[in-house]
Amino acid sequence: MQPTLRAASRGASLQSNKQMIQYLYLGRVDYGEALRLQEELVALRQQERIGNVLLLLEHPPVLTLGRNASRANILASDEMLAARGVTLHEINRGGDVTYHGPGQLIGYPIFDLRSLRNSGGTRLGPVDFVRLMEEALIRLCGELGVAAGRICGLTGVWCGLSSGPADGSPLDESCDGTAENVFEGERKIAAIGIHVARGVTSHGFAFNVTTDLDDFRLINPCGITDKPVTSVAREIADPATLPTLEALAQRAARLFGLVFGEPLEMLESVAALRSRAQSARAAAPESPAQEFPAEDTPLQVPPEIERLRQLPRPVKAPSILA
């Protein structure tokens, strides 16, 4: 099933926004600016003033250190990083150290997990969310003629799995010991790390398209020392045939819509998104907040406690204190 795709219109209602994934392609954006934008949109999503938003962009050279990062996994000195124009940011996503740079498609999904459901009809958890992001990127690899899949126990998307089909279809991801994937030359093509605050995600994925892979020598990517990184350009026969990063962003958005089972809406700009949020704020008294019914098991009072409740209460003795 193809996701419905339509351009944003000024008259679109907030209710319709909550039933789709809105996405923007921003081009090359400084990492600090993108971080501030994520924080702004997370707050707006938590306030139900915007729907689920997928930011697609590219960064100048930057290293990011996740919550579990070790500074030892940065192999270059501060002087070398400065000489190469590489900045450094410590952030709150999961994972270790990651490199971002030109030729890499970055995706930051600002999604409320409570608005999403898994195949069983229950709320989507953070691990399910990451698996769906991996699935979208595996399919994107397949469209580009690159066989990719998962490695059990390692987050991200990988090439070089020897049992992979030649047509780029998804690989076996079983973790029960029955999978037949033989890992001989695994190469990471996409890194994933998210943060979840009050049910809303931020950070996301980095997909190597025409990235200069020499820059990864500055680090142990994601803290992994025995598996190199790769790019689409390295994996295909003729990199000159690759579409632009913006065209690939459009494909990635379409595949997100397919995998998450949501229609898409392409937004014109961040300003248009902020305008909608402002309109939602003005209409807030007339627009009830979106409800997420509880899915907890109701409390069951044990029969013994219930019987104790039926016993007569003891009479309180009079006090002898003055």
Protein backbone atom coordinates (compact mmCIF):
# COMPACT_ATOMS: atom_id res chain seq x y z
CA MET A 1 0.00 0.00 0.00
CA GLN A 2 1.41 3.39 -0.98
CA PRO A 3 1.19 6.17 1.62
CA THR A 4 -0.94 9.16 0.68
CA LEU A 5 1.29 12.14 -0.12
CA ARG A 6 0.07 15.69 -0.38
CA ALA A 7 1.58 19.12 -0.07
CA ALA A 8 0.76 21.23 2.97
CA SER A 9 -2.09 23.68 2.59
CA ARG A 10 -2.73 26.69 4.80
CA GLY A 11 -6.23 25.50 5.53
CA ALA A 12 -5.27 22.04 6.77
CA SER A 13 -6.79 21.30 10.16
CA LEU A 14 -4.79 20.34 13.24
CA GLN A 15 -6.84 17.17 13.53
CA SER A 16 -5.64 16.01 10.10
CA ASN A 17 -2.05 16.79 11.09
CA LYS A 18 -2.28 14.31 13.95
CA GLN A 19 -3.17 11.49 11.57
CA MET A 20 -0.11 11.75 9.33
CA ILE A 21 3.63 12.17 9.22
CA GLN A 22 4.68 15.68 8.21
CA TYR A 23 8.18 16.02 6.82
CA LEU A 24 10.62 18.73 5.77
CA TYR A 25 13.89 18.65 3.89
CA LEU A 26 16.11 21.41 5.31
CA GLY A 27 19.34 21.01 3.34
CA ARG A 28 22.63 21.53 5.20
CA VAL A 29 22.07 22.71 8.78
CA ASP A 30 24.57 23.44 11.55
CA TYR A 31 24.33 20.77 14.26
CA GLY A 32 23.69 23.22 17.09
CA GLU A 33 20.87 24.85 15.13
CA ALA A 34 19.31 21.45 14.39
CA LEU A 35 19.56 20.52 18.07
CA ARG A 36 17.71 23.68 19.10
CA LEU A 37 15.05 23.01 16.46
CA GLN A 38 14.53 19.49 17.77
CA GLU A 39 14.08 20.78 21.31
CA GLU A 40 11.52 23.31 20.10
CA LEU A 41 9.54 20.73 18.14
CA VAL A 42 9.65 18.17 20.95
CA ALA A 43 8.04 20.74 23.27
CA LEU A 44 5.38 21.54 20.67
CA ARG A 45 4.65 17.84 20.12
CA GLN A 46 4.35 17.26 23.86
CA GLN A 47 1.83 20.13 23.97
CA GLU A 48 -0.13 18.56 21.06
CA ARG A 49 0.36 21.72 18.99
CA ILE A 50 1.95 19.81 16.09
CA GLY A 51 1.67 16.26 14.77
CA ASN A 52 4.46 13.74 14.13
CA VAL A 53 7.26 15.45 12.19
CA LEU A 54 10.23 13.97 10.31
CA LEU A 55 13.14 16.37 9.75
CA LEU A 56 15.48 15.38 6.91
CA LEU A 57 18.76 17.22 6.44
CA GLU A 58 22.55 17.15 6.21
CA HIS A 59 25.22 18.41 8.64
CA PRO A 60 28.65 19.97 8.29
CA PRO A 61 31.36 17.72 9.84
CA VAL A 62 30.51 17.03 13.50
CA LEU A 63 31.07 14.36 16.16
CA THR A 64 28.28 13.62 18.63
CA LEU A 65 28.73 11.82 21.95
CA GLY A 66 25.68 9.95 23.25
CA ARG A 67 24.80 9.28 26.89
CA ASN A 68 26.89 6.10 26.98
CA ALA A 69 29.83 7.47 24.99
CA SER A 70 33.46 7.05 25.93
CA ARG A 71 35.82 9.91 25.06
CA ALA A 72 38.39 7.19 24.32
CA ASN A 73 36.45 6.35 21.14
CA ILE A 74 37.47 9.72 19.67
CA LEU A 75 40.84 8.89 18.14
CA ALA A 76 41.77 12.38 16.97
CA SER A 77 43.13 15.16 19.15
CA ASP A 78 41.18 18.37 19.68
CA GLU A 79 43.77 20.15 17.54
CA MET A 80 43.24 17.73 14.65
CA LEU A 81 39.46 18.08 14.88
CA ALA A 82 39.75 21.85 14.83
CA ALA A 83 42.13 21.75 11.85
CA ARG A 84 39.60 19.66 9.91
CA GLY A 85 36.68 21.88 10.90
CA VAL A 86 34.99 19.12 12.93
CA THR A 87 32.93 20.28 15.91
CA LEU A 88 32.03 18.19 18.96
CA HIS A 89 28.69 17.93 20.80
CA GLU A 90 27.66 15.94 23.86
CA ILE A 91 23.98 15.02 23.59
CA ASN A 92 21.25 12.99 25.32
CA ARG A 93 20.59 10.27 22.74
CA GLY A 94 21.52 6.66 23.35
CA GLY A 95 24.69 5.14 21.95
CA ASP A 96 28.34 6.12 21.74
CA VAL A 97 30.20 8.43 19.35
CA THR A 98 28.93 9.10 15.82
CA TYR A 99 30.18 11.17 12.90
CA HIS A 100 27.92 13.35 10.74
CA GLY A 101 29.03 15.15 7.62
CA PRO A 102 28.30 16.12 4.01
CA GLY A 103 26.81 13.38 1.84
CA GLN A 104 25.00 11.81 4.79
CA LEU A 105 21.20 11.85 5.03
CA ILE A 106 20.13 12.70 8.59
CA GLY A 107 16.63 11.98 9.86
CA TYR A 108 15.18 13.36 13.10
CA PRO A 109 11.69 11.94 13.79
CA ILE A 110 9.78 13.99 16.37
CA PHE A 111 7.10 11.37 17.00
CA ASP A 112 4.77 10.77 19.94
CA LEU A 113 5.07 7.02 20.52
CA ARG A 114 1.62 7.00 22.16
CA SER A 115 0.09 7.94 18.81
CA LEU A 116 1.58 4.86 17.09
CA ARG A 117 0.63 1.19 17.22
CA ASN A 118 2.62 -1.94 16.52
CA SER A 119 1.38 -4.91 14.49
CA GLY A 120 -0.36 -6.29 17.59
CA GLY A 121 -2.37 -3.12 18.05
CA THR A 122 -0.60 -1.99 21.24
CA ARG A 123 1.42 1.14 21.75
CA LEU A 124 4.78 1.33 20.05
CA GLY A 125 7.77 1.12 22.41
CA PRO A 126 11.21 2.66 21.81
CA VAL A 127 12.75 -0.64 20.64
CA ASP A 128 9.88 -1.25 18.20
CA PHE A 129 10.34 2.31 16.96
CA VAL A 130 14.04 1.75 16.25
CA ARG A 131 13.29 -1.53 14.44
CA LEU A 132 10.81 0.28 12.17
CA MET A 133 13.38 2.98 11.38
CA GLU A 134 15.84 0.23 10.49
CA GLU A 135 13.20 -1.36 8.25
CA ALA A 136 12.61 1.89 6.35
CA LEU A 137 16.36 2.29 5.73
CA ILE A 138 16.78 -1.36 4.73
CA ARG A 139 14.07 -0.82 2.11
CA LEU A 140 15.78 2.37 0.96
CA CYS A 141 18.99 0.40 0.50
CA GLY A 142 17.05 -2.17 -1.52
CA GLU A 143 15.69 0.51 -3.84
CA LEU A 144 19.27 1.63 -4.47
CA GLY A 145 20.43 -1.92 -5.22
CA VAL A 146 22.26 -2.44 -1.93
CA ALA A 147 21.62 -5.61 0.11
CA ALA A 148 21.31 -4.66 3.78
CA GLY A 149 19.87 -5.97 7.00
CA ARG A 150 20.27 -6.22 10.76
CA ILE A 151 22.80 -7.88 13.04
CA CYS A 152 21.28 -9.31 16.19
CA GLY A 153 22.34 -7.28 19.21
CA LEU A 154 23.64 -4.31 17.19
CA THR A 155 21.49 -1.32 16.33
CA GLY A 156 21.63 0.11 12.81
CA VAL A 157 21.65 -1.13 9.22
CA TRP A 158 24.45 -3.31 7.87
CA CYS A 159 25.85 -4.49 4.55
CA GLY A 160 28.07 -7.50 3.89
CA LEU A 161 25.86 -10.10 5.54
CA SER A 162 26.77 -13.18 3.52
CA SER A 163 23.27 -14.66 3.39
CA GLY A 164 21.83 -11.46 1.99
CA PRO A 165 19.77 -11.68 -1.20
CA ALA A 166 21.17 -9.97 -4.27
CA ASP A 167 18.03 -7.89 -4.86
CA GLY A 168 18.45 -5.87 -1.66
CA SER A 169 15.45 -7.40 0.15
CA PRO A 170 15.55 -7.47 3.97
CA LEU A 171 17.82 -10.02 5.62
CA ASP A 172 17.06 -12.49 8.39
CA GLU A 173 17.03 -10.65 11.73
CA SER A 174 16.34 -13.63 14.02
CA CYS A 175 18.02 -13.58 17.42
CA ASP A 176 16.95 -17.06 18.52
CA GLY A 177 20.07 -18.81 17.31
CA THR A 178 18.43 -20.21 14.17
CA ALA A 179 19.44 -17.43 11.77
CA GLU A 180 21.79 -18.48 9.02
CA ASN A 181 23.49 -15.13 8.46
CA VAL A 182 27.25 -15.61 8.50
CA PHE A 183 28.97 -12.35 9.40
CA GLU A 184 32.27 -12.11 7.59
CA GLY A 185 32.56 -8.56 6.31
CA GLU A 186 29.83 -6.55 7.96
CA ARG A 187 29.86 -2.84 7.16
CA LYS A 188 27.60 -0.27 8.80
CA ILE A 189 25.71 1.94 6.39
CA ALA A 190 23.30 3.60 8.83
CA ALA A 191 23.59 4.49 12.51
CA ILE A 192 20.56 4.99 14.76
CA GLY A 193 20.20 6.54 18.21
CA ILE A 194 17.12 8.13 19.79
CA HIS A 195 16.03 9.94 22.93
CA VAL A 196 12.51 9.71 24.35
CA ALA A 197 11.08 12.39 26.68
CA ARG A 198 7.45 12.19 27.87
CA GLY A 199 6.72 9.78 25.04
CA VAL A 200 8.19 11.98 22.26
CA THR A 201 11.27 10.95 20.29
CA SER A 202 14.19 13.04 19.07
CA HIS A 203 17.53 12.41 17.34
CA GLY A 204 17.27 9.53 14.86
CA PHE A 205 19.36 8.12 12.01
CA ALA A 206 22.42 8.88 9.88
CA PHE A 207 22.47 7.17 6.46
CA ASN A 208 25.77 7.25 4.54
CA VAL A 209 25.16 8.10 0.89
CA THR A 210 28.26 9.81 -0.52
CA THR A 211 29.91 10.46 2.85
CA ASP A 212 33.71 10.81 2.97
CA LEU A 213 34.47 7.61 4.86
CA ASP A 214 37.97 8.79 5.75
CA ASP A 215 36.37 11.04 8.38
CA PHE A 216 35.23 7.95 10.29
CA ARG A 217 38.90 7.28 11.04
CA LEU A 218 38.61 10.05 13.62
CA ILE A 219 36.52 7.74 15.83
CA ASN A 220 35.52 4.21 16.71
CA PRO A 221 32.01 4.53 15.22
CA CYS A 222 29.40 3.77 17.90
CA GLY A 223 32.25 2.37 19.98
CA ILE A 224 32.62 -0.62 17.62
CA THR A 225 36.21 -1.37 16.66
CA ASP A 226 35.93 -4.52 14.52
CA LYS A 227 33.32 -3.46 11.93
CA PRO A 228 33.96 -0.66 9.42
CA VAL A 229 31.46 1.76 7.94
CA THR A 230 30.37 2.02 4.33
CA SER A 231 28.22 4.17 2.08
CA VAL A 232 25.81 3.71 -0.79
CA ALA A 233 28.46 5.18 -3.12
CA ARG A 234 30.94 2.49 -2.07
CA GLU A 235 28.43 -0.36 -2.36
CA ILE A 236 27.13 0.30 -5.88
CA ALA A 237 28.89 0.01 -9.23
CA ASP A 238 28.36 3.58 -10.45
CA PRO A 239 28.00 6.28 -7.77
CA ALA A 240 27.40 8.87 -10.52
CA THR A 241 23.90 7.41 -10.96
CA LEU A 242 22.87 8.26 -7.39
CA PRO A 243 20.05 10.78 -7.01
CA THR A 244 20.56 13.98 -5.04
CA LEU A 245 20.33 13.93 -1.28
CA GLU A 246 17.05 15.83 -1.47
CA ALA A 247 15.61 13.20 -3.83
CA LEU A 248 16.75 10.46 -1.45
CA ALA A 249 15.11 12.34 1.42
CA GLN A 250 11.81 12.19 -0.49
CA ARG A 251 12.24 8.43 -0.89
CA ALA A 252 13.09 8.00 2.78
CA ALA A 253 9.98 9.92 3.80
CA ARG A 254 7.81 7.76 1.55
CA LEU A 255 9.26 4.60 3.09
CA PHE A 256 8.68 5.95 6.60
CA GLY A 257 5.05 6.40 5.63
CA LEU A 258 4.88 2.81 4.36
CA VAL A 259 6.60 1.25 7.37
CA PHE A 260 4.69 3.26 9.98
CA GLY A 261 1.43 2.90 8.05
CA GLU A 262 0.75 6.66 8.01
CA PRO A 263 0.01 9.10 5.16
CA LEU A 264 2.57 11.82 4.45
CA GLU A 265 2.39 15.57 4.21
CA MET A 266 5.31 17.57 2.85
CA LEU A 267 5.70 20.92 4.60
CA GLU A 268 7.07 24.00 2.88
CA SER A 269 9.26 25.25 5.72
CA VAL A 270 9.87 25.38 9.45
CA ALA A 271 8.06 28.73 9.42
CA ALA A 272 4.93 27.01 8.09
CA LEU A 273 5.14 24.45 10.88
CA ARG A 274 5.55 27.18 13.50
CA SER A 275 2.56 29.03 12.04
CA ARG A 276 0.44 25.93 12.48
CA ALA A 277 1.62 25.53 16.04
CA GLN A 278 0.68 29.15 16.75
CA SER A 279 -2.77 28.59 15.25
CA ALA A 280 -3.20 25.47 17.38
CA ARG A 281 -2.30 27.47 20.49
CA ALA A 282 -4.93 30.09 19.67
CA ALA A 283 -7.55 27.38 19.13
CA ALA A 284 -6.55 25.36 22.22
CA PRO A 285 -9.62 26.26 24.38
CA GLU A 286 -11.92 24.87 21.67
CA SER A 287 -9.76 21.83 20.81
CA PRO A 288 -9.70 19.05 23.40
CA ALA A 289 -6.34 17.40 23.90
CA GLN A 290 -5.77 14.11 22.15
CA GLU A 291 -6.55 11.22 24.48
CA PHE A 292 -4.42 8.12 24.90
CA PRO A 293 -6.51 5.59 26.84
CA ALA A 294 -4.71 3.71 29.57
CA GLU A 295 -3.66 0.16 28.78
CA ASP A 296 -2.63 -0.83 32.33
CA THR A 297 -4.17 -3.85 34.07
CA PRO A 298 -6.89 -2.65 36.53
CA LEU A 299 -6.10 -3.13 40.21
CA GLN A 300 -7.67 -6.30 41.64
CA VAL A 301 -8.32 -6.19 45.41
CA PRO A 302 -7.54 -9.59 47.02
CA PRO A 303 -10.61 -11.31 48.61
CA GLU A 304 -8.87 -11.37 52.03
CA ILE A 305 -8.55 -7.59 52.04
CA GLU A 306 -12.13 -7.21 50.91
CA ARG A 307 -13.31 -9.38 53.86
CA LEU A 308 -11.30 -7.31 56.31
CA ARG A 309 -13.05 -4.23 55.02
CA GLN A 310 -16.41 -5.77 56.11
CA LEU A 311 -15.34 -6.28 59.76
CA PRO A 312 -16.64 -3.73 62.35
CA ARG A 313 -14.11 -1.10 63.22
CA PRO A 314 -12.81 -1.08 66.86
CA VAL A 315 -14.11 1.65 69.19
CA LYS A 316 -11.41 4.17 69.99
CA ALA A 317 -10.61 4.38 73.74
CA PRO A 318 -10.97 7.79 75.39
CA SER A 319 -7.74 9.70 75.93
CA ILE A 320 -6.44 10.12 79.49
CA LEU A 321 -4.24 13.05 78.55
CA ALA A 322 -5.35 16.49 79.68
